[in-house]
Amino acid sequence: LARVDPGVPRFVKITDAAHVRLPVVPALYACSRATVWRHVKAGLIPAPIKFSERVTAWNVGVLRKHLMGAH
């Protein structure tokens, strides 16, 4: 049984201006971390924002729109 990142339940409650890190995104798209990066490269998942050398995150509003089919 796969472990769901604790950030996923919060995804519903946080504002569109918030950002989530990589562990949340595979759970939203039902895929692996490697597949997330392959899909980002192919344009199938929105690209994250690189805040610094070691911090990359996705905008919640952008992910919500994409998940709802409003690409």
Protein backbone atom coordinates (compact mmCIF):
# COMPACT_ATOMS: atom_id res chain seq x y z
CA LEU A 1 0.00 0.00 0.00
CA ALA A 2 1.50 3.32 -1.07
CA ARG A 3 1.95 6.05 1.49
CA VAL A 4 0.17 9.32 0.62
CA ASP A 5 2.10 12.49 1.35
CA PRO A 6 0.50 14.42 4.25
CA GLY A 7 0.39 17.51 2.02
CA VAL A 8 -2.23 15.99 -0.27
CA PRO A 9 -5.25 16.36 2.07
CA ARG A 10 -4.18 19.97 2.72
CA PHE A 11 -4.10 20.61 -1.06
CA VAL A 12 -7.88 20.99 -1.02
CA LYS A 13 -7.78 23.64 1.69
CA ILE A 14 -4.81 25.84 0.74
CA THR A 15 -5.09 28.91 -1.47
CA ASP A 16 -4.29 29.02 -5.18
CA ALA A 17 -1.33 31.29 -4.40
CA ALA A 18 0.37 28.59 -2.29
CA HIS A 19 3.01 26.19 -3.57
CA VAL A 20 3.55 22.46 -3.03
CA ARG A 21 6.74 20.45 -3.26
CA LEU A 22 7.45 17.31 -5.27
CA PRO A 23 6.06 14.69 -2.83
CA VAL A 24 2.52 16.05 -3.34
CA VAL A 25 2.54 16.09 -7.17
CA PRO A 26 2.89 12.31 -7.82
CA ALA A 27 -0.06 11.69 -5.52
CA LEU A 28 -2.19 14.23 -7.42
CA TYR A 29 -1.35 12.68 -10.79
CA ALA A 30 -1.17 9.04 -9.61
CA CYS A 31 2.34 8.48 -10.91
CA SER A 32 5.93 8.17 -9.71
CA ARG A 33 8.35 11.04 -9.10
CA ALA A 34 10.28 10.05 -12.21
CA THR A 35 7.09 10.14 -14.26
CA VAL A 36 6.27 13.60 -12.92
CA TRP A 37 9.58 14.89 -14.31
CA ARG A 38 9.06 13.07 -17.64
CA HIS A 39 5.59 14.61 -17.93
CA VAL A 40 6.89 18.07 -17.04
CA LYS A 41 9.53 17.74 -19.77
CA ALA A 42 6.85 16.61 -22.26
CA GLY A 43 4.51 19.45 -21.26
CA LEU A 44 1.89 17.10 -19.81
CA ILE A 45 2.21 18.47 -16.25
CA PRO A 46 2.82 22.19 -15.56
CA ALA A 47 6.41 23.10 -14.86
CA PRO A 48 7.40 23.98 -11.31
CA ILE A 49 9.00 27.22 -10.18
CA LYS A 50 12.63 27.06 -9.12
CA PHE A 51 12.94 29.26 -6.04
CA SER A 52 16.58 28.42 -5.38
CA GLU A 53 19.22 25.81 -6.17
CA ARG A 54 17.50 23.25 -3.94
CA VAL A 55 13.89 24.47 -3.76
CA THR A 56 11.42 23.72 -6.55
CA ALA A 57 7.63 23.91 -6.10
CA TRP A 58 4.41 23.95 -8.07
CA ASN A 59 1.80 26.68 -7.82
CA VAL A 60 -1.42 25.24 -6.39
CA GLY A 61 -3.69 27.34 -8.63
CA VAL A 62 -1.87 26.20 -11.77
CA LEU A 63 -2.09 22.54 -10.71
CA ARG A 64 -5.79 22.86 -9.87
CA LYS A 65 -6.59 24.35 -13.27
CA HIS A 66 -4.58 21.64 -15.00
CA LEU A 67 -6.24 18.87 -13.00
CA MET A 68 -9.67 20.30 -13.83
CA GLY A 69 -8.81 20.15 -17.52
CA ALA A 70 -8.42 23.90 -18.09
CA HIS A 71 -4.91 23.75 -19.56
